[in-house]
Each structure stands twice: as C-alpha cells, then as structure tokens.
Amino acid sequence: MKKQFVGLKKGFLLIEESQDSSYPGVYVSYVENVTDIGQTLCLIEESTDSKAKDAVAIHVWGDCGVDNPTETTTIRKANWNNLCE
C-alpha cells in the first residue's frame, strides 16, 4: 500500500491507497502533530453511479462518531477539449 504525506502547519495529510481492488481510490486523513491522532476526512474513488460516467465520488466523514460518510459528492471529469481553445 502506497502512502504519501503532505505537511501542514499543525499536522499533516496522510494519503493512502484503498485496499478494496473493486473500488480503486485514496483515503485522505488529517493527523495532528501534538496528539498524533488521525481522522479520516474523505475517500476519493471512481464513481460507481452509471449516470455519472467518467466521474469521481468523494465520500466525506464530517462526524468522527459516525462510521458512514456524512456526505457524498460526484465530480465529473472536465471536458479538456473545450478548455484549450
């Protein structure tokens, strides 16, 4: 499993590959320097919604006391052909 760290002023972001090969994606967690306690912020993965072709789904955990995501957002890939004109 690959991991990357992005330093912030009071902690760091930990980016880890998802272990579920059926749903490739990454988890983003925040870890405080002082406490060394981490909290999963979101999971970013390819969308499984058939209506959202060529999109990613972002599952956000806004409440650390709840196991399920508190919000899911789908972002479609940009149409790069129209951006370069």
N, C-alpha and C. Protein backbone atom coordinates (compact mmCIF):
# COMPACT_ATOMS: atom_id res chain seq x y z
N MET A 1 0.85 -1.18 0.00
CA MET A 1 0.00 0.00 0.00
C MET A 1 0.89 1.24 0.00
N LYS A 2 0.61 2.13 -0.92
CA LYS A 2 1.38 3.37 -1.01
C LYS A 2 0.79 4.41 -0.08
N LYS A 3 1.69 5.21 0.53
CA LYS A 3 1.28 6.31 1.39
C LYS A 3 2.06 7.56 1.01
N GLN A 4 1.40 8.71 1.13
CA GLN A 4 2.07 9.99 0.92
C GLN A 4 1.68 10.91 2.05
N PHE A 5 2.58 11.83 2.37
CA PHE A 5 2.36 12.77 3.45
C PHE A 5 2.50 14.19 2.91
N VAL A 6 1.57 15.05 3.31
CA VAL A 6 1.61 16.46 2.93
C VAL A 6 1.63 17.27 4.22
N GLY A 7 2.74 17.95 4.47
CA GLY A 7 2.90 18.71 5.70
C GLY A 7 2.04 19.95 5.75
N LEU A 8 1.44 20.20 6.90
CA LEU A 8 0.67 21.41 7.17
C LEU A 8 1.27 22.07 8.41
N LYS A 9 0.79 23.24 8.80
CA LYS A 9 1.35 23.94 9.95
C LYS A 9 1.19 23.17 11.26
N LYS A 10 0.03 22.60 11.50
CA LYS A 10 -0.25 21.94 12.78
C LYS A 10 -0.37 20.43 12.67
N GLY A 11 -0.04 19.89 11.53
CA GLY A 11 -0.16 18.45 11.32
C GLY A 11 0.20 18.09 9.90
N PHE A 12 -0.39 17.01 9.41
CA PHE A 12 -0.15 16.61 8.03
C PHE A 12 -1.33 15.83 7.50
N LEU A 13 -1.44 15.80 6.18
CA LEU A 13 -2.42 14.96 5.50
C LEU A 13 -1.74 13.65 5.14
N LEU A 14 -2.41 12.57 5.38
CA LEU A 14 -1.95 11.23 5.03
C LEU A 14 -2.84 10.73 3.91
N ILE A 15 -2.23 10.40 2.77
CA ILE A 15 -2.98 9.91 1.62
C ILE A 15 -2.59 8.45 1.40
N GLU A 16 -3.58 7.55 1.47
CA GLU A 16 -3.34 6.12 1.37
C GLU A 16 -4.24 5.50 0.31
N GLU A 17 -3.70 4.55 -0.42
CA GLU A 17 -4.50 3.82 -1.40
C GLU A 17 -5.54 2.97 -0.71
N SER A 18 -6.72 2.87 -1.33
CA SER A 18 -7.77 2.00 -0.82
C SER A 18 -7.34 0.55 -0.97
N GLN A 19 -7.72 -0.29 -0.01
CA GLN A 19 -7.38 -1.72 -0.04
C GLN A 19 -8.38 -2.53 -0.87
N ASP A 20 -9.50 -1.93 -1.25
CA ASP A 20 -10.54 -2.63 -2.00
C ASP A 20 -10.27 -2.51 -3.49
N SER A 21 -9.79 -3.58 -4.11
CA SER A 21 -9.43 -3.54 -5.53
C SER A 21 -10.65 -3.33 -6.44
N SER A 22 -11.84 -3.58 -5.94
CA SER A 22 -13.06 -3.35 -6.72
C SER A 22 -13.39 -1.87 -6.82
N TYR A 23 -12.90 -1.09 -5.87
CA TYR A 23 -13.17 0.35 -5.82
C TYR A 23 -11.85 1.10 -5.62
N PRO A 24 -11.03 1.22 -6.68
CA PRO A 24 -9.75 1.90 -6.52
C PRO A 24 -9.94 3.37 -6.16
N GLY A 25 -9.14 3.82 -5.21
CA GLY A 25 -9.23 5.20 -4.79
C GLY A 25 -8.23 5.48 -3.69
N VAL A 26 -8.39 6.64 -3.03
CA VAL A 26 -7.48 7.04 -1.95
C VAL A 26 -8.27 7.59 -0.78
N TYR A 27 -7.76 7.31 0.42
CA TYR A 27 -8.27 7.90 1.65
C TYR A 27 -7.39 9.09 1.99
N VAL A 28 -8.00 10.17 2.46
CA VAL A 28 -7.27 11.33 2.93
C VAL A 28 -7.60 11.51 4.41
N SER A 29 -6.57 11.52 5.25
CA SER A 29 -6.74 11.68 6.69
C SER A 29 -5.91 12.86 7.17
N TYR A 30 -6.34 13.48 8.27
CA TYR A 30 -5.59 14.56 8.89
C TYR A 30 -5.04 14.05 10.21
N VAL A 31 -3.75 14.29 10.46
CA VAL A 31 -3.10 13.87 11.69
C VAL A 31 -2.48 15.11 12.34
N GLU A 32 -2.82 15.34 13.62
CA GLU A 32 -2.26 16.47 14.36
C GLU A 32 -0.86 16.13 14.85
N ASN A 33 0.04 17.11 14.79
CA ASN A 33 1.41 16.90 15.29
C ASN A 33 1.43 16.67 16.79
N VAL A 34 0.67 17.45 17.55
CA VAL A 34 0.73 17.42 19.01
C VAL A 34 0.22 16.09 19.57
N THR A 35 -0.92 15.63 19.08
CA THR A 35 -1.54 14.42 19.63
C THR A 35 -1.20 13.16 18.86
N ASP A 36 -0.78 13.32 17.60
CA ASP A 36 -0.52 12.19 16.70
C ASP A 36 -1.79 11.36 16.47
N ILE A 37 -2.94 12.02 16.63
CA ILE A 37 -4.23 11.36 16.40
C ILE A 37 -4.71 11.71 15.00
N GLY A 38 -5.17 10.70 14.25
CA GLY A 38 -5.64 10.90 12.89
C GLY A 38 -7.14 10.77 12.76
N GLN A 39 -7.67 11.44 11.76
CA GLN A 39 -9.10 11.39 11.46
C GLN A 39 -9.25 11.28 9.94
N THR A 40 -9.96 10.24 9.47
CA THR A 40 -10.24 10.13 8.05
C THR A 40 -11.18 11.25 7.63
N LEU A 41 -10.79 11.99 6.61
CA LEU A 41 -11.61 13.09 6.10
C LEU A 41 -12.48 12.66 4.94
N CYS A 42 -11.88 11.91 3.99
CA CYS A 42 -12.66 11.53 2.82
C CYS A 42 -12.03 10.34 2.10
N LEU A 43 -12.83 9.74 1.26
CA LEU A 43 -12.40 8.71 0.33
C LEU A 43 -12.75 9.22 -1.06
N ILE A 44 -11.77 9.21 -1.96
CA ILE A 44 -11.99 9.65 -3.34
C ILE A 44 -11.81 8.41 -4.22
N GLU A 45 -12.84 8.08 -5.00
CA GLU A 45 -12.79 6.87 -5.83
C GLU A 45 -13.55 7.10 -7.12
N GLU A 46 -13.36 6.20 -8.07
CA GLU A 46 -14.13 6.26 -9.30
C GLU A 46 -15.60 6.06 -8.97
N SER A 47 -16.46 6.84 -9.61
CA SER A 47 -17.89 6.75 -9.33
C SER A 47 -18.45 5.43 -9.83
N THR A 48 -19.32 4.82 -9.02
CA THR A 48 -20.00 3.59 -9.41
C THR A 48 -21.39 3.88 -9.95
N ASP A 49 -21.77 5.15 -9.99
CA ASP A 49 -23.08 5.57 -10.48
C ASP A 49 -23.07 5.53 -12.01
N SER A 50 -23.95 4.72 -12.60
CA SER A 50 -23.97 4.57 -14.06
C SER A 50 -24.34 5.88 -14.76
N LYS A 51 -25.04 6.79 -14.08
CA LYS A 51 -25.39 8.09 -14.66
C LYS A 51 -24.22 9.07 -14.61
N ALA A 52 -23.24 8.81 -13.77
CA ALA A 52 -22.10 9.70 -13.61
C ALA A 52 -20.86 9.08 -14.25
N LYS A 53 -20.95 8.83 -15.55
CA LYS A 53 -19.85 8.23 -16.28
C LYS A 53 -18.66 9.19 -16.29
N ASP A 54 -17.45 8.64 -16.21
CA ASP A 54 -16.23 9.45 -16.18
C ASP A 54 -16.26 10.48 -15.06
N ALA A 55 -16.50 10.00 -13.84
CA ALA A 55 -16.58 10.88 -12.69
C ALA A 55 -15.90 10.22 -11.49
N VAL A 56 -15.63 11.04 -10.49
CA VAL A 56 -15.13 10.52 -9.22
C VAL A 56 -16.14 10.83 -8.13
N ALA A 57 -16.20 9.97 -7.14
CA ALA A 57 -17.08 10.18 -5.99
C ALA A 57 -16.21 10.54 -4.79
N ILE A 58 -16.64 11.53 -4.04
CA ILE A 58 -15.93 11.94 -2.83
C ILE A 58 -16.85 11.70 -1.65
N HIS A 59 -16.47 10.76 -0.79
CA HIS A 59 -17.25 10.42 0.40
C HIS A 59 -16.59 11.13 1.58
N VAL A 60 -17.33 12.01 2.26
CA VAL A 60 -16.77 12.84 3.33
C VAL A 60 -17.29 12.38 4.69
N TRP A 61 -16.37 12.26 5.66
CA TRP A 61 -16.74 11.95 7.04
C TRP A 61 -16.66 13.25 7.84
N GLY A 62 -17.81 13.91 8.04
CA GLY A 62 -17.87 15.17 8.76
C GLY A 62 -18.09 14.98 10.25
N ASP A 63 -18.37 13.76 10.67
CA ASP A 63 -18.62 13.46 12.08
C ASP A 63 -17.82 12.21 12.43
N CYS A 64 -16.79 12.37 13.25
CA CYS A 64 -15.91 11.24 13.57
C CYS A 64 -16.61 10.16 14.38
N GLY A 65 -17.80 10.46 14.93
CA GLY A 65 -18.54 9.47 15.71
C GLY A 65 -19.45 8.59 14.86
N VAL A 66 -19.46 8.81 13.55
CA VAL A 66 -20.33 8.06 12.64
C VAL A 66 -19.45 7.29 11.66
N ASP A 67 -19.73 5.98 11.51
CA ASP A 67 -18.92 5.15 10.61
C ASP A 67 -19.17 5.45 9.13
N ASN A 68 -20.41 5.76 8.78
CA ASN A 68 -20.76 6.02 7.38
C ASN A 68 -20.45 7.46 7.00
N PRO A 69 -20.15 7.71 5.72
CA PRO A 69 -19.90 9.09 5.29
C PRO A 69 -21.11 9.98 5.56
N THR A 70 -20.84 11.23 5.90
CA THR A 70 -21.93 12.18 6.14
C THR A 70 -22.36 12.87 4.86
N GLU A 71 -21.53 12.78 3.81
CA GLU A 71 -21.86 13.42 2.54
C GLU A 71 -21.11 12.72 1.42
N THR A 72 -21.74 12.61 0.27
CA THR A 72 -21.09 12.09 -0.93
C THR A 72 -21.35 13.06 -2.08
N THR A 73 -20.28 13.42 -2.77
CA THR A 73 -20.37 14.34 -3.90
C THR A 73 -19.75 13.67 -5.11
N THR A 74 -20.35 13.84 -6.27
CA THR A 74 -19.81 13.31 -7.52
C THR A 74 -19.31 14.46 -8.36
N ILE A 75 -18.06 14.34 -8.83
CA ILE A 75 -17.47 15.37 -9.68
C ILE A 75 -17.12 14.73 -11.01
N ARG A 76 -17.68 15.29 -12.06
CA ARG A 76 -17.42 14.77 -13.41
C ARG A 76 -16.08 15.28 -13.92
N LYS A 77 -15.44 14.45 -14.74
CA LYS A 77 -14.17 14.86 -15.34
C LYS A 77 -14.43 16.02 -16.29
N ALA A 78 -13.46 16.92 -16.38
CA ALA A 78 -13.60 18.09 -17.25
C ALA A 78 -13.49 17.69 -18.71
N ASN A 79 -14.12 18.47 -19.56
CA ASN A 79 -14.01 18.27 -21.00
C ASN A 79 -12.79 19.07 -21.46
N TRP A 80 -11.62 18.42 -21.47
CA TRP A 80 -10.37 19.11 -21.76
C TRP A 80 -10.32 19.70 -23.15
N ASN A 81 -11.03 19.11 -24.11
CA ASN A 81 -11.00 19.63 -25.48
C ASN A 81 -11.52 21.07 -25.55
N ASN A 82 -12.51 21.40 -24.76
CA ASN A 82 -13.08 22.75 -24.80
C ASN A 82 -12.30 23.74 -23.95
N LEU A 83 -11.42 23.28 -23.08
CA LEU A 83 -10.68 24.18 -22.19
C LEU A 83 -9.45 24.78 -22.88
N CYS A 84 -9.00 24.19 -23.95
CA CYS A 84 -7.75 24.63 -24.58
C CYS A 84 -7.96 25.49 -25.82
N GLU A 85 -9.16 25.96 -26.04
CA GLU A 85 -9.43 26.74 -27.26
C GLU A 85 -9.07 28.19 -27.07
